[in-house]
Amino acid sequence: MAEVDSTGIINGSITPDDLIQMALKVKNNAYAPYSGFKVGAALICDDGRVYTGCNVENLSYGATICAERTAIVKAVSCGSRKIRSVAVISDSQTYTIPCAICLQVMSEFCNPDTKLYLANKNGQYVEYTFKELLPHSFKLHNE
């Protein structure tokens, strides 16, 4: 597995399996006492930094934040703006697909061809491009 230094920079090349393993590791930190559905996400940005996130639930469900958005917020707060690829994993038998809110947030930072690796609990994954999952994101059109 590729190593990440204290600044989040990857030492060596990263594979989809590496990214999924990082998401799997951070999934264990999820706070999901209401749904029991723990999710982990890892993303790599164009600047070479890796960010991870887990879901954090709240009794007021609207205050819950998904793993994907946690990772994105960390990336943006550290100055990264372009996402190269994303991995998402949960304890589900099926592949973990980002919710519509997460996909809309990703639309700010992903290109149409950004790779998303969606894994099941065994680490098996399917690969999509961002555009395949959200072909028509909301855009503000100034007229």
N, C-alpha and C. Protein backbone atom coordinates (compact mmCIF):
# COMPACT_ATOMS: atom_id res chain seq x y z
N MET A 1 0.84 -1.18 0.00
CA MET A 1 0.00 0.00 0.00
C MET A 1 0.88 1.23 0.00
N ALA A 2 0.46 2.26 -0.71
CA ALA A 2 1.19 3.52 -0.75
C ALA A 2 1.19 4.15 0.65
N GLU A 3 2.25 4.82 1.00
CA GLU A 3 2.34 5.48 2.30
C GLU A 3 1.98 6.94 2.18
N VAL A 4 1.33 7.47 3.21
CA VAL A 4 0.95 8.87 3.26
C VAL A 4 1.72 9.51 4.40
N ASP A 5 2.43 10.62 4.10
CA ASP A 5 3.20 11.29 5.15
C ASP A 5 2.29 12.17 6.00
N SER A 6 2.85 12.87 6.97
CA SER A 6 2.05 13.66 7.91
C SER A 6 1.31 14.82 7.25
N THR A 7 1.71 15.23 6.06
CA THR A 7 1.02 16.31 5.36
C THR A 7 -0.07 15.79 4.44
N GLY A 8 -0.22 14.48 4.35
CA GLY A 8 -1.22 13.89 3.48
C GLY A 8 -0.71 13.60 2.09
N ILE A 9 0.57 13.87 1.83
CA ILE A 9 1.16 13.62 0.52
C ILE A 9 1.48 12.14 0.39
N ILE A 10 1.17 11.58 -0.76
CA ILE A 10 1.43 10.16 -1.00
C ILE A 10 2.87 9.96 -1.42
N ASN A 11 3.49 8.97 -0.82
CA ASN A 11 4.83 8.55 -1.21
C ASN A 11 4.68 7.28 -2.03
N GLY A 12 4.83 7.40 -3.33
CA GLY A 12 4.62 6.26 -4.22
C GLY A 12 3.30 6.39 -4.93
N SER A 13 3.07 5.52 -5.88
CA SER A 13 1.82 5.57 -6.62
C SER A 13 0.72 4.90 -5.81
N ILE A 14 -0.48 5.33 -6.05
CA ILE A 14 -1.62 4.79 -5.32
C ILE A 14 -2.53 4.04 -6.29
N THR A 15 -3.03 2.91 -5.84
CA THR A 15 -3.93 2.10 -6.64
C THR A 15 -5.35 2.25 -6.08
N PRO A 16 -6.35 1.84 -6.85
CA PRO A 16 -7.72 1.83 -6.30
C PRO A 16 -7.80 0.99 -5.02
N ASP A 17 -7.09 -0.13 -4.97
CA ASP A 17 -7.10 -0.95 -3.75
C ASP A 17 -6.52 -0.20 -2.55
N ASP A 18 -5.47 0.60 -2.77
CA ASP A 18 -4.91 1.42 -1.69
C ASP A 18 -5.95 2.39 -1.16
N LEU A 19 -6.63 3.07 -2.07
CA LEU A 19 -7.64 4.05 -1.69
C LEU A 19 -8.78 3.38 -0.93
N ILE A 20 -9.19 2.21 -1.38
CA ILE A 20 -10.26 1.47 -0.69
C ILE A 20 -9.80 1.05 0.70
N GLN A 21 -8.56 0.62 0.84
CA GLN A 21 -8.04 0.24 2.16
C GLN A 21 -8.02 1.43 3.12
N MET A 22 -7.69 2.61 2.61
CA MET A 22 -7.71 3.82 3.44
C MET A 22 -9.14 4.13 3.88
N ALA A 23 -10.10 3.97 2.96
CA ALA A 23 -11.51 4.20 3.30
C ALA A 23 -11.99 3.18 4.32
N LEU A 24 -11.57 1.93 4.15
CA LEU A 24 -11.94 0.87 5.08
C LEU A 24 -11.42 1.18 6.49
N LYS A 25 -10.19 1.64 6.57
CA LYS A 25 -9.59 1.94 7.87
C LYS A 25 -10.34 3.07 8.58
N VAL A 26 -10.66 4.13 7.86
CA VAL A 26 -11.33 5.27 8.49
C VAL A 26 -12.80 4.97 8.80
N LYS A 27 -13.40 4.00 8.09
CA LYS A 27 -14.78 3.61 8.35
C LYS A 27 -14.95 3.19 9.81
N ASN A 28 -13.92 2.62 10.38
CA ASN A 28 -13.99 2.18 11.78
C ASN A 28 -14.19 3.33 12.75
N ASN A 29 -13.90 4.57 12.31
CA ASN A 29 -14.08 5.74 13.16
C ASN A 29 -15.48 6.34 13.04
N ALA A 30 -16.31 5.81 12.16
CA ALA A 30 -17.65 6.37 11.94
C ALA A 30 -18.45 6.39 13.23
N TYR A 31 -19.27 7.43 13.35
CA TYR A 31 -20.18 7.56 14.48
C TYR A 31 -21.59 7.37 13.91
N ALA A 32 -22.11 6.16 14.06
CA ALA A 32 -23.40 5.81 13.45
C ALA A 32 -24.30 5.08 14.44
N PRO A 33 -24.60 5.71 15.61
CA PRO A 33 -25.40 5.01 16.62
C PRO A 33 -26.87 4.85 16.24
N TYR A 34 -27.36 5.61 15.26
CA TYR A 34 -28.77 5.58 14.92
C TYR A 34 -29.06 4.62 13.77
N SER A 35 -28.24 4.65 12.74
CA SER A 35 -28.48 3.78 11.59
C SER A 35 -27.65 2.50 11.66
N GLY A 36 -26.52 2.54 12.35
CA GLY A 36 -25.60 1.42 12.36
C GLY A 36 -24.88 1.24 11.03
N PHE A 37 -25.02 2.19 10.13
CA PHE A 37 -24.46 2.13 8.77
C PHE A 37 -23.19 2.96 8.73
N LYS A 38 -22.05 2.31 8.94
CA LYS A 38 -20.76 3.00 8.95
C LYS A 38 -20.19 3.06 7.54
N VAL A 39 -19.71 4.25 7.17
CA VAL A 39 -19.17 4.46 5.83
C VAL A 39 -17.82 5.15 5.96
N GLY A 40 -16.89 4.75 5.10
CA GLY A 40 -15.59 5.39 5.01
C GLY A 40 -15.34 5.85 3.59
N ALA A 41 -14.64 6.96 3.44
CA ALA A 41 -14.30 7.49 2.12
C ALA A 41 -12.85 7.95 2.14
N ALA A 42 -12.21 7.81 1.00
CA ALA A 42 -10.85 8.33 0.82
C ALA A 42 -10.78 8.93 -0.57
N LEU A 43 -10.12 10.06 -0.68
CA LEU A 43 -9.98 10.69 -1.98
C LEU A 43 -8.57 11.20 -2.16
N ILE A 44 -8.16 11.27 -3.39
CA ILE A 44 -6.85 11.83 -3.73
C ILE A 44 -7.11 13.03 -4.63
N CYS A 45 -6.41 14.10 -4.33
CA CYS A 45 -6.57 15.34 -5.09
C CYS A 45 -5.44 15.50 -6.10
N ASP A 46 -5.64 16.44 -7.02
CA ASP A 46 -4.64 16.68 -8.05
C ASP A 46 -3.30 17.12 -7.49
N ASP A 47 -3.30 17.68 -6.28
CA ASP A 47 -2.04 18.11 -5.67
C ASP A 47 -1.31 16.95 -4.99
N GLY A 48 -1.86 15.73 -5.08
CA GLY A 48 -1.21 14.55 -4.54
C GLY A 48 -1.56 14.23 -3.10
N ARG A 49 -2.38 15.06 -2.47
CA ARG A 49 -2.74 14.80 -1.08
C ARG A 49 -3.97 13.88 -1.01
N VAL A 50 -3.98 13.06 0.04
CA VAL A 50 -5.08 12.13 0.29
C VAL A 50 -5.84 12.61 1.52
N TYR A 51 -7.15 12.51 1.44
CA TYR A 51 -8.01 12.89 2.57
C TYR A 51 -9.00 11.75 2.80
N THR A 52 -9.29 11.50 4.06
CA THR A 52 -10.25 10.46 4.41
C THR A 52 -11.37 11.07 5.23
N GLY A 53 -12.48 10.35 5.28
CA GLY A 53 -13.61 10.80 6.09
C GLY A 53 -14.53 9.64 6.40
N CYS A 54 -15.26 9.80 7.49
CA CYS A 54 -16.28 8.82 7.87
C CYS A 54 -17.58 9.57 8.13
N ASN A 55 -18.67 8.84 8.16
CA ASN A 55 -19.93 9.49 8.45
C ASN A 55 -20.03 9.77 9.94
N VAL A 56 -20.69 10.89 10.25
CA VAL A 56 -20.91 11.31 11.64
C VAL A 56 -22.39 11.64 11.76
N GLU A 57 -23.13 10.76 12.42
CA GLU A 57 -24.56 10.94 12.56
C GLU A 57 -24.88 11.89 13.72
N ASN A 58 -26.13 12.36 13.70
CA ASN A 58 -26.62 13.23 14.75
C ASN A 58 -28.08 12.88 14.99
N LEU A 59 -28.52 12.99 16.23
CA LEU A 59 -29.92 12.69 16.54
C LEU A 59 -30.86 13.52 15.68
N SER A 60 -30.48 14.75 15.38
CA SER A 60 -31.21 15.56 14.42
C SER A 60 -30.67 15.17 13.05
N TYR A 61 -31.33 14.24 12.39
CA TYR A 61 -30.77 13.59 11.20
C TYR A 61 -30.23 14.56 10.15
N GLY A 62 -30.82 15.72 10.03
CA GLY A 62 -30.35 16.71 9.05
C GLY A 62 -28.95 17.21 9.33
N ALA A 63 -28.48 17.04 10.56
CA ALA A 63 -27.13 17.49 10.93
C ALA A 63 -26.07 16.42 10.66
N THR A 64 -26.50 15.26 10.19
CA THR A 64 -25.57 14.18 9.87
C THR A 64 -24.74 14.55 8.66
N ILE A 65 -23.47 14.16 8.66
CA ILE A 65 -22.60 14.39 7.50
C ILE A 65 -22.06 13.04 7.02
N CYS A 66 -22.11 12.86 5.72
CA CYS A 66 -21.65 11.62 5.11
C CYS A 66 -20.13 11.58 5.04
N ALA A 67 -19.59 10.38 4.88
CA ALA A 67 -18.14 10.19 4.80
C ALA A 67 -17.53 10.96 3.64
N GLU A 68 -18.20 10.94 2.49
CA GLU A 68 -17.67 11.60 1.30
C GLU A 68 -17.53 13.10 1.53
N ARG A 69 -18.55 13.70 2.12
CA ARG A 69 -18.49 15.14 2.38
C ARG A 69 -17.48 15.48 3.46
N THR A 70 -17.32 14.60 4.44
CA THR A 70 -16.29 14.82 5.46
C THR A 70 -14.92 14.92 4.80
N ALA A 71 -14.61 13.98 3.91
CA ALA A 71 -13.31 13.99 3.22
C ALA A 71 -13.16 15.22 2.35
N ILE A 72 -14.23 15.60 1.65
CA ILE A 72 -14.17 16.77 0.77
C ILE A 72 -13.95 18.04 1.58
N VAL A 73 -14.66 18.19 2.69
CA VAL A 73 -14.50 19.38 3.53
C VAL A 73 -13.07 19.46 4.08
N LYS A 74 -12.51 18.32 4.47
CA LYS A 74 -11.12 18.32 4.92
C LYS A 74 -10.19 18.76 3.79
N ALA A 75 -10.41 18.25 2.60
CA ALA A 75 -9.56 18.60 1.45
C ALA A 75 -9.63 20.10 1.16
N VAL A 76 -10.83 20.61 1.08
CA VAL A 76 -11.01 22.03 0.76
C VAL A 76 -10.42 22.92 1.85
N SER A 77 -10.61 22.53 3.11
CA SER A 77 -10.09 23.35 4.20
C SER A 77 -8.56 23.35 4.24
N CYS A 78 -7.95 22.37 3.58
CA CYS A 78 -6.48 22.32 3.48
C CYS A 78 -5.97 22.92 2.17
N GLY A 79 -6.88 23.44 1.34
CA GLY A 79 -6.49 24.13 0.12
C GLY A 79 -6.59 23.33 -1.16
N SER A 80 -6.98 22.07 -1.08
CA SER A 80 -7.14 21.27 -2.30
C SER A 80 -8.47 21.63 -2.96
N ARG A 81 -8.49 21.59 -4.29
CA ARG A 81 -9.71 21.98 -5.00
C ARG A 81 -10.15 20.99 -6.07
N LYS A 82 -9.27 20.13 -6.54
CA LYS A 82 -9.62 19.19 -7.60
C LYS A 82 -9.43 17.76 -7.12
N ILE A 83 -10.47 16.97 -7.23
CA ILE A 83 -10.42 15.57 -6.81
C ILE A 83 -10.06 14.70 -8.01
N ARG A 84 -9.05 13.87 -7.83
CA ARG A 84 -8.62 12.94 -8.88
C ARG A 84 -9.42 11.64 -8.85
N SER A 85 -9.63 11.07 -7.65
CA SER A 85 -10.42 9.84 -7.51
C SER A 85 -10.93 9.71 -6.09
N VAL A 86 -11.98 8.90 -5.94
CA VAL A 86 -12.65 8.72 -4.65
C VAL A 86 -12.94 7.24 -4.46
N ALA A 87 -12.80 6.76 -3.22
CA ALA A 87 -13.22 5.40 -2.86
C ALA A 87 -14.22 5.51 -1.71
N VAL A 88 -15.26 4.67 -1.77
CA VAL A 88 -16.29 4.66 -0.73
C VAL A 88 -16.57 3.20 -0.38
N ILE A 89 -16.66 2.92 0.94
CA ILE A 89 -16.91 1.56 1.40
C ILE A 89 -17.79 1.60 2.65
N SER A 90 -18.57 0.53 2.83
CA SER A 90 -19.38 0.36 4.04
C SER A 90 -19.38 -1.12 4.41
N ASP A 91 -20.22 -1.48 5.37
CA ASP A 91 -20.35 -2.88 5.76
C ASP A 91 -21.42 -3.60 4.94
N SER A 92 -21.85 -2.99 3.87
CA SER A 92 -22.92 -3.55 3.05
C SER A 92 -22.41 -4.64 2.11
N GLN A 93 -23.29 -5.58 1.79
CA GLN A 93 -22.97 -6.61 0.80
C GLN A 93 -22.92 -6.00 -0.61
N THR A 94 -23.66 -4.90 -0.79
CA THR A 94 -23.71 -4.26 -2.10
C THR A 94 -22.71 -3.10 -2.15
N TYR A 95 -22.47 -2.58 -3.33
CA TYR A 95 -21.53 -1.47 -3.49
C TYR A 95 -22.13 -0.21 -2.91
N THR A 96 -21.30 0.57 -2.26
CA THR A 96 -21.74 1.76 -1.56
C THR A 96 -21.69 2.95 -2.51
N ILE A 97 -22.84 3.43 -2.91
CA ILE A 97 -22.96 4.54 -3.86
C ILE A 97 -23.22 5.83 -3.07
N PRO A 98 -22.51 6.92 -3.38
CA PRO A 98 -22.75 8.18 -2.68
C PRO A 98 -24.20 8.65 -2.85
N CYS A 99 -24.72 9.29 -1.83
CA CYS A 99 -26.07 9.85 -1.90
C CYS A 99 -26.07 11.05 -2.86
N ALA A 100 -27.25 11.52 -3.19
CA ALA A 100 -27.38 12.63 -4.14
C ALA A 100 -26.75 13.92 -3.61
N ILE A 101 -26.84 14.16 -2.31
CA ILE A 101 -26.22 15.36 -1.75
C ILE A 101 -24.71 15.29 -1.92
N CYS A 102 -24.12 14.13 -1.62
CA CYS A 102 -22.67 13.98 -1.78
C CYS A 102 -22.26 14.15 -3.23
N LEU A 103 -23.04 13.58 -4.14
CA LEU A 103 -22.71 13.73 -5.56
C LEU A 103 -22.78 15.20 -5.98
N GLN A 104 -23.76 15.93 -5.49
CA GLN A 104 -23.84 17.35 -5.84
C GLN A 104 -22.64 18.11 -5.28
N VAL A 105 -22.22 17.80 -4.06
CA VAL A 105 -21.03 18.45 -3.49
C VAL A 105 -19.80 18.08 -4.32
N MET A 106 -19.69 16.82 -4.71
CA MET A 106 -18.57 16.39 -5.54
C MET A 106 -18.53 17.15 -6.87
N SER A 107 -19.69 17.55 -7.37
CA SER A 107 -19.73 18.23 -8.66
C SER A 107 -18.93 19.52 -8.67
N GLU A 108 -18.69 20.10 -7.51
CA GLU A 108 -17.87 21.31 -7.40
C GLU A 108 -16.39 21.01 -7.61
N PHE A 109 -15.97 19.78 -7.33
CA PHE A 109 -14.54 19.47 -7.26
C PHE A 109 -14.09 18.32 -8.16
N CYS A 110 -15.03 17.65 -8.81
CA CYS A 110 -14.71 16.54 -9.70
C CYS A 110 -14.88 16.94 -11.16
N ASN A 111 -14.10 16.34 -12.01
CA ASN A 111 -14.30 16.44 -13.45
C ASN A 111 -15.26 15.33 -13.85
N PRO A 112 -15.86 15.43 -15.03
CA PRO A 112 -16.75 14.35 -15.47
C PRO A 112 -16.07 12.98 -15.48
N ASP A 113 -14.76 12.94 -15.72
CA ASP A 113 -14.05 11.65 -15.81
C ASP A 113 -13.36 11.24 -14.51
N THR A 114 -13.60 11.96 -13.40
CA THR A 114 -13.06 11.56 -12.10
C THR A 114 -13.54 10.15 -11.78
N LYS A 115 -12.61 9.30 -11.33
CA LYS A 115 -12.93 7.90 -11.02
C LYS A 115 -13.50 7.77 -9.61
N LEU A 116 -14.57 7.00 -9.48
CA LEU A 116 -15.14 6.65 -8.19
C LEU A 116 -15.09 5.14 -8.06
N TYR A 117 -14.48 4.66 -6.98
CA TYR A 117 -14.37 3.23 -6.71
C TYR A 117 -15.32 2.92 -5.57
N LEU A 118 -16.39 2.20 -5.86
CA LEU A 118 -17.44 1.93 -4.89
C LEU A 118 -17.34 0.48 -4.46
N ALA A 119 -17.07 0.30 -3.16
CA ALA A 119 -16.75 -1.03 -2.65
C ALA A 119 -17.84 -1.60 -1.76
N ASN A 120 -17.85 -2.93 -1.68
CA ASN A 120 -18.71 -3.61 -0.71
C ASN A 120 -17.84 -3.95 0.51
N LYS A 121 -18.45 -4.62 1.48
CA LYS A 121 -17.73 -4.88 2.74
C LYS A 121 -16.52 -5.79 2.56
N ASN A 122 -16.46 -6.53 1.47
CA ASN A 122 -15.32 -7.42 1.21
C ASN A 122 -14.19 -6.72 0.45
N GLY A 123 -14.39 -5.44 0.13
CA GLY A 123 -13.36 -4.71 -0.60
C GLY A 123 -13.44 -4.87 -2.10
N GLN A 124 -14.41 -5.67 -2.57
CA GLN A 124 -14.62 -5.77 -4.02
C GLN A 124 -15.24 -4.45 -4.46
N TYR A 125 -14.86 -3.98 -5.64
CA TYR A 125 -15.37 -2.68 -6.05
C TYR A 125 -15.74 -2.64 -7.52
N VAL A 126 -16.57 -1.65 -7.81
CA VAL A 126 -16.91 -1.31 -9.19
C VAL A 126 -16.37 0.10 -9.42
N GLU A 127 -16.07 0.38 -10.67
CA GLU A 127 -15.51 1.70 -11.02
C GLU A 127 -16.51 2.44 -11.90
N TYR A 128 -16.75 3.70 -11.56
CA TYR A 128 -17.59 4.58 -12.35
C TYR A 128 -16.83 5.88 -12.58
N THR A 129 -17.25 6.62 -13.59
CA THR A 129 -16.80 8.01 -13.69
C THR A 129 -17.84 8.85 -12.97
N PHE A 130 -17.43 10.04 -12.57
CA PHE A 130 -18.37 10.92 -11.89
C PHE A 130 -19.60 11.17 -12.76
N LYS A 131 -19.38 11.41 -14.03
CA LYS A 131 -20.50 11.71 -14.94
C LYS A 131 -21.49 10.56 -15.03
N GLU A 132 -21.04 9.32 -14.90
CA GLU A 132 -21.96 8.18 -14.93
C GLU A 132 -22.91 8.21 -13.74
N LEU A 133 -22.44 8.68 -12.59
CA LEU A 133 -23.28 8.70 -11.40
C LEU A 133 -24.14 9.96 -11.30
N LEU A 134 -23.65 11.06 -11.84
CA LEU A 134 -24.44 12.31 -11.81
C LEU A 134 -24.26 13.03 -13.14
N PRO A 135 -25.00 12.59 -14.14
CA PRO A 135 -24.82 13.18 -15.47
C PRO A 135 -25.33 14.62 -15.58
N HIS A 136 -26.22 15.02 -14.68
CA HIS A 136 -26.82 16.36 -14.77
C HIS A 136 -26.82 17.02 -13.40
N SER A 137 -25.69 17.54 -12.97
CA SER A 137 -25.63 18.21 -11.67
C SER A 137 -26.21 19.61 -11.77
N PHE A 138 -26.62 20.14 -10.65
CA PHE A 138 -27.14 21.52 -10.61
C PHE A 138 -26.00 22.48 -10.88
N LYS A 139 -26.23 23.42 -11.78
CA LYS A 139 -25.25 24.46 -12.09
C LYS A 139 -25.96 25.80 -12.04
N LEU A 140 -25.27 26.80 -11.53
CA LEU A 140 -25.81 28.16 -11.52
C LEU A 140 -25.45 28.82 -12.83
N HIS A 141 -26.46 29.16 -13.59
CA HIS A 141 -26.23 29.78 -14.89
C HIS A 141 -26.53 31.27 -14.78
N ASN A 142 -25.51 32.07 -14.92
CA ASN A 142 -25.69 33.52 -14.93
C ASN A 142 -26.09 33.95 -16.33
N GLU A 143 -27.22 34.62 -16.42
CA GLU A 143 -27.67 35.02 -17.76
C GLU A 143 -27.48 36.49 -17.97
